[in-house]
Amino acid sequence: MVTRMNRARTYRDCAVAGATPIGLLVALFDRLASDFRNAADAIRCGDIEARCRETNHAFLILGQLDSWVDLENGGDSARQIAAFYAQLRSAVVQASTQQSAAILDGAIESVLNVRSKWQELDRVADAPALQATPMIAAGEVPYSERPSLSLTA
């Protein structure tokens, strides 16, 4: 018998297998927003264990995303992205200590805003260099060939 969780995992595995490198980044942002949403729901329900599980997973994702940022060669864009990830980590800590789902709701909005920028970039990115690696921000693609991404609305 196929459970709902197994179907979701199968769908996610297929989506990742066929994703572009930027699409993989978008998938991480989707999961990060989901972790924040689940943590906010856990705070509302008073479920400390679920909140901890979800925020810990969010920290893992943020760590992975942050490890792809090339501060040495990435210029202002890399600094903006690193600051964004630091802001999200701070929001998670603050939400956990204050038991504030509203803080996480704000973080979700920020994540989805940046996610939409990456998704837009994925739609227009057809250059071979962009398709070559999932770690554009990590210096795998020469900086001159990287797309620009503004984090402002």
C-alpha atoms as a PDB file:
ATOM      1  CA  MET A   1       0.000   0.000   0.000  1.00  0.00           C
ATOM      2  CA  VAL A   2       1.361   3.382  -1.031  1.00  0.00           C
ATOM      3  CA  THR A   3       1.080   5.932   1.713  1.00  0.00           C
ATOM      4  CA  ARG A   4       0.673   9.646   1.275  1.00  0.00           C
ATOM      5  CA  MET A   5       4.222  10.165   2.561  1.00  0.00           C
ATOM      6  CA  ASN A   6       5.631   7.660   0.039  1.00  0.00           C
ATOM      7  CA  ARG A   7       3.792   9.409  -2.810  1.00  0.00           C
ATOM      8  CA  ALA A   8       5.161  12.770  -1.691  1.00  0.00           C
ATOM      9  CA  ARG A   9       8.690  11.363  -1.507  1.00  0.00           C
ATOM     10  CA  THR A  10       8.368   9.768  -4.950  1.00  0.00           C
ATOM     11  CA  TYR A  11       7.062  13.026  -6.406  1.00  0.00           C
ATOM     12  CA  ARG A  12       9.903  14.989  -4.773  1.00  0.00           C
ATOM     13  CA  ASP A  13      12.533  12.494  -5.980  1.00  0.00           C
ATOM     14  CA  CYS A  14      11.249  12.722  -9.555  1.00  0.00           C
ATOM     15  CA  ALA A  15      11.122  16.509  -9.431  1.00  0.00           C
ATOM     16  CA  VAL A  16      14.695  16.701  -8.156  1.00  0.00           C
ATOM     17  CA  ALA A  17      15.964  14.191 -10.724  1.00  0.00           C
ATOM     18  CA  GLY A  18      14.646  16.343 -13.574  1.00  0.00           C
ATOM     19  CA  ALA A  19      15.462  19.728 -12.085  1.00  0.00           C
ATOM     20  CA  THR A  20      17.889  22.274 -13.419  1.00  0.00           C
ATOM     21  CA  PRO A  21      20.629  23.392 -11.035  1.00  0.00           C
ATOM     22  CA  ILE A  22      18.661  26.523 -10.164  1.00  0.00           C
ATOM     23  CA  GLY A  23      15.565  24.348  -9.880  1.00  0.00           C
ATOM     24  CA  LEU A  24      17.345  22.388  -7.142  1.00  0.00           C
ATOM     25  CA  LEU A  25      17.968  25.661  -5.341  1.00  0.00           C
ATOM     26  CA  VAL A  26      14.270  26.501  -5.699  1.00  0.00           C
ATOM     27  CA  ALA A  27      13.428  23.086  -4.211  1.00  0.00           C
ATOM     28  CA  LEU A  28      15.593  23.869  -1.177  1.00  0.00           C
ATOM     29  CA  PHE A  29      13.779  27.172  -0.745  1.00  0.00           C
ATOM     30  CA  ASP A  30      10.455  25.289  -0.961  1.00  0.00           C
ATOM     31  CA  ARG A  31      11.580  22.908   1.757  1.00  0.00           C
ATOM     32  CA  LEU A  32      12.890  25.782   3.883  1.00  0.00           C
ATOM     33  CA  ALA A  33       9.511  27.536   3.660  1.00  0.00           C
ATOM     34  CA  SER A  34       7.809  24.246   4.544  1.00  0.00           C
ATOM     35  CA  ASP A  35      10.067  23.778   7.578  1.00  0.00           C
ATOM     36  CA  PHE A  36       9.268  27.329   8.730  1.00  0.00           C
ATOM     37  CA  ARG A  37       5.544  26.752   8.184  1.00  0.00           C
ATOM     38  CA  ASN A  38       5.615  23.486  10.121  1.00  0.00           C
ATOM     39  CA  ALA A  39       7.623  25.099  12.937  1.00  0.00           C
ATOM     40  CA  ALA A  40       5.142  27.996  13.114  1.00  0.00           C
ATOM     41  CA  ASP A  41       2.262  25.513  13.299  1.00  0.00           C
ATOM     42  CA  ALA A  42       4.094  23.622  16.048  1.00  0.00           C
ATOM     43  CA  ILE A  43       4.514  26.842  18.024  1.00  0.00           C
ATOM     44  CA  ARG A  44       0.797  27.562  17.662  1.00  0.00           C
ATOM     45  CA  CYS A  45       0.018  24.053  18.948  1.00  0.00           C
ATOM     46  CA  GLY A  46       2.602  24.140  21.715  1.00  0.00           C
ATOM     47  CA  ASP A  47       4.455  21.150  20.215  1.00  0.00           C
ATOM     48  CA  ILE A  48       8.060  21.788  21.264  1.00  0.00           C
ATOM     49  CA  GLU A  49       9.385  18.551  19.787  1.00  0.00           C
ATOM     50  CA  ALA A  50       7.959  19.305  16.326  1.00  0.00           C
ATOM     51  CA  ARG A  51       9.171  22.904  16.495  1.00  0.00           C
ATOM     52  CA  CYS A  52      12.695  21.742  17.316  1.00  0.00           C
ATOM     53  CA  ARG A  53      12.672  19.095  14.581  1.00  0.00           C
ATOM     54  CA  GLU A  54      11.514  21.589  11.938  1.00  0.00           C
ATOM     55  CA  THR A  55      13.846  24.399  12.983  1.00  0.00           C
ATOM     56  CA  ASN A  56      16.809  21.999  13.147  1.00  0.00           C
ATOM     57  CA  HIS A  57      16.071  20.882   9.599  1.00  0.00           C
ATOM     58  CA  ALA A  58      15.744  24.511   8.513  1.00  0.00           C
ATOM     59  CA  PHE A  59      19.191  25.193   9.987  1.00  0.00           C
ATOM     60  CA  LEU A  60      20.607  22.296   7.959  1.00  0.00           C
ATOM     61  CA  ILE A  61      19.157  23.745   4.769  1.00  0.00           C
ATOM     62  CA  LEU A  62      20.430  27.224   5.607  1.00  0.00           C
ATOM     63  CA  GLY A  63      23.869  25.754   6.270  1.00  0.00           C
ATOM     64  CA  GLN A  64      23.876  24.049   2.873  1.00  0.00           C
ATOM     65  CA  LEU A  65      22.674  27.181   1.098  1.00  0.00           C
ATOM     66  CA  ASP A  66      25.233  29.303   2.937  1.00  0.00           C
ATOM     67  CA  SER A  67      28.048  26.909   2.010  1.00  0.00           C
ATOM     68  CA  TRP A  68      27.344  27.596  -1.679  1.00  0.00           C
ATOM     69  CA  VAL A  69      27.880  31.345  -1.319  1.00  0.00           C
ATOM     70  CA  ASP A  70      31.250  32.462  -2.686  1.00  0.00           C
ATOM     71  CA  LEU A  71      31.990  35.589  -0.679  1.00  0.00           C
ATOM     72  CA  GLU A  72      35.474  35.853  -2.130  1.00  0.00           C
ATOM     73  CA  ASN A  73      34.359  36.142  -5.758  1.00  0.00           C
ATOM     74  CA  GLY A  74      30.645  36.843  -5.514  1.00  0.00           C
ATOM     75  CA  GLY A  75      30.734  40.563  -4.854  1.00  0.00           C
ATOM     76  CA  ASP A  76      27.688  42.408  -3.546  1.00  0.00           C
ATOM     77  CA  SER A  77      25.262  39.676  -4.591  1.00  0.00           C
ATOM     78  CA  ALA A  78      27.086  37.080  -2.515  1.00  0.00           C
ATOM     79  CA  ARG A  79      27.203  39.420   0.484  1.00  0.00           C
ATOM     80  CA  GLN A  80      23.459  40.095   0.130  1.00  0.00           C
ATOM     81  CA  ILE A  81      22.666  36.396  -0.031  1.00  0.00           C
ATOM     82  CA  ALA A  82      24.897  35.595   2.973  1.00  0.00           C
ATOM     83  CA  ALA A  83      23.250  38.408   4.949  1.00  0.00           C
ATOM     84  CA  PHE A  84      19.830  37.057   3.968  1.00  0.00           C
ATOM     85  CA  TYR A  85      20.702  33.598   5.276  1.00  0.00           C
ATOM     86  CA  ALA A  86      22.072  35.118   8.498  1.00  0.00           C
ATOM     87  CA  GLN A  87      18.853  37.105   8.893  1.00  0.00           C
ATOM     88  CA  LEU A  88      16.816  33.907   8.487  1.00  0.00           C
ATOM     89  CA  ARG A  89      18.908  32.062  11.084  1.00  0.00           C
ATOM     90  CA  SER A  90      18.419  34.959  13.475  1.00  0.00           C
ATOM     91  CA  ALA A  91      14.666  34.934  12.856  1.00  0.00           C
ATOM     92  CA  VAL A  92      14.482  31.205  13.649  1.00  0.00           C
ATOM     93  CA  VAL A  93      16.351  31.680  16.912  1.00  0.00           C
ATOM     94  CA  GLN A  94      14.195  34.653  17.858  1.00  0.00           C
ATOM     95  CA  ALA A  95      10.979  32.822  16.960  1.00  0.00           C
ATOM     96  CA  SER A  96      12.037  29.826  19.044  1.00  0.00           C
ATOM     97  CA  THR A  97      13.033  31.826  22.104  1.00  0.00           C
ATOM     98  CA  GLN A  98       9.951  34.046  21.952  1.00  0.00           C
ATOM     99  CA  GLN A  99       7.630  31.230  20.836  1.00  0.00           C
ATOM    100  CA  SER A 100       6.495  33.498  17.999  1.00  0.00           C
ATOM    101  CA  ALA A 101       4.867  31.955  14.957  1.00  0.00           C
ATOM    102  CA  ALA A 102       4.511  35.471  13.531  1.00  0.00           C
ATOM    103  CA  ILE A 103       8.282  35.805  13.208  1.00  0.00           C
ATOM    104  CA  LEU A 104       8.392  32.582  11.217  1.00  0.00           C
ATOM    105  CA  ASP A 105       5.474  33.772   9.092  1.00  0.00           C
ATOM    106  CA  GLY A 106       7.592  36.800   8.161  1.00  0.00           C
ATOM    107  CA  ALA A 107      10.545  34.536   7.366  1.00  0.00           C
ATOM    108  CA  ILE A 108       8.310  32.411   5.130  1.00  0.00           C
ATOM    109  CA  GLU A 109       7.295  35.502   3.191  1.00  0.00           C
ATOM    110  CA  SER A 110      10.962  36.480   2.724  1.00  0.00           C
ATOM    111  CA  VAL A 111      11.949  32.966   1.626  1.00  0.00           C
ATOM    112  CA  LEU A 112       9.111  32.793  -0.891  1.00  0.00           C
ATOM    113  CA  ASN A 113      10.003  36.221  -2.253  1.00  0.00           C
ATOM    114  CA  VAL A 114      13.617  35.210  -2.911  1.00  0.00           C
ATOM    115  CA  ARG A 115      12.458  31.804  -4.149  1.00  0.00           C
ATOM    116  CA  SER A 116      10.309  33.512  -6.779  1.00  0.00           C
ATOM    117  CA  LYS A 117      13.375  35.445  -7.986  1.00  0.00           C
ATOM    118  CA  TRP A 118      15.344  32.212  -8.365  1.00  0.00           C
ATOM    119  CA  GLN A 119      12.376  30.558 -10.084  1.00  0.00           C
ATOM    120  CA  GLU A 120      12.115  33.466 -12.515  1.00  0.00           C
ATOM    121  CA  LEU A 121      15.831  33.174 -13.219  1.00  0.00           C
ATOM    122  CA  ASP A 122      15.436  29.431 -13.798  1.00  0.00           C
ATOM    123  CA  ARG A 123      12.769  30.098 -16.421  1.00  0.00           C
ATOM    124  CA  VAL A 124      15.019  32.398 -18.430  1.00  0.00           C
ATOM    125  CA  ALA A 125      18.331  30.641 -17.793  1.00  0.00           C
ATOM    126  CA  ASP A 126      19.193  28.613 -20.836  1.00  0.00           C
ATOM    127  CA  ALA A 127      22.901  29.383 -21.032  1.00  0.00           C
ATOM    128  CA  PRO A 128      25.047  26.211 -20.909  1.00  0.00           C
ATOM    129  CA  ALA A 129      27.075  27.564 -17.980  1.00  0.00           C
ATOM    130  CA  LEU A 130      23.927  27.906 -15.893  1.00  0.00           C
ATOM    131  CA  GLN A 131      22.906  24.336 -16.595  1.00  0.00           C
ATOM    132  CA  ALA A 132      26.326  22.937 -15.700  1.00  0.00           C
ATOM    133  CA  THR A 133      26.233  23.119 -11.913  1.00  0.00           C
ATOM    134  CA  PRO A 134      23.866  23.463  -8.962  1.00  0.00           C
ATOM    135  CA  MET A 135      26.372  25.656  -7.148  1.00  0.00           C
ATOM    136  CA  ILE A 136      26.452  28.818  -9.233  1.00  0.00           C
ATOM    137  CA  ALA A 137      27.071  30.937  -6.152  1.00  0.00           C
ATOM    138  CA  ALA A 138      29.904  28.672  -5.028  1.00  0.00           C
ATOM    139  CA  GLY A 139      32.277  29.728  -7.763  1.00  0.00           C
ATOM    140  CA  GLU A 140      31.779  26.761 -10.067  1.00  0.00           C
ATOM    141  CA  VAL A 141      30.709  29.112 -12.857  1.00  0.00           C
ATOM    142  CA  PRO A 142      33.000  32.026 -13.673  1.00  0.00           C
ATOM    143  CA  TYR A 143      31.615  35.123 -12.020  1.00  0.00           C
ATOM    144  CA  SER A 144      31.311  36.950 -15.336  1.00  0.00           C
ATOM    145  CA  GLU A 145      28.882  34.268 -16.569  1.00  0.00           C
ATOM    146  CA  ARG A 146      26.658  34.237 -13.485  1.00  0.00           C
ATOM    147  CA  PRO A 147      23.223  35.812 -13.585  1.00  0.00           C
ATOM    148  CA  SER A 148      22.539  38.818 -11.422  1.00  0.00           C
ATOM    149  CA  LEU A 149      19.954  38.492  -8.686  1.00  0.00           C
ATOM    150  CA  SER A 150      18.579  41.382  -6.750  1.00  0.00           C
ATOM    151  CA  LEU A 151      17.078  40.467  -3.400  1.00  0.00           C
ATOM    152  CA  THR A 152      15.021  43.619  -3.243  1.00  0.00           C
ATOM    153  CA  ALA A 153      11.393  43.509  -4.269  1.00  0.00           C
END
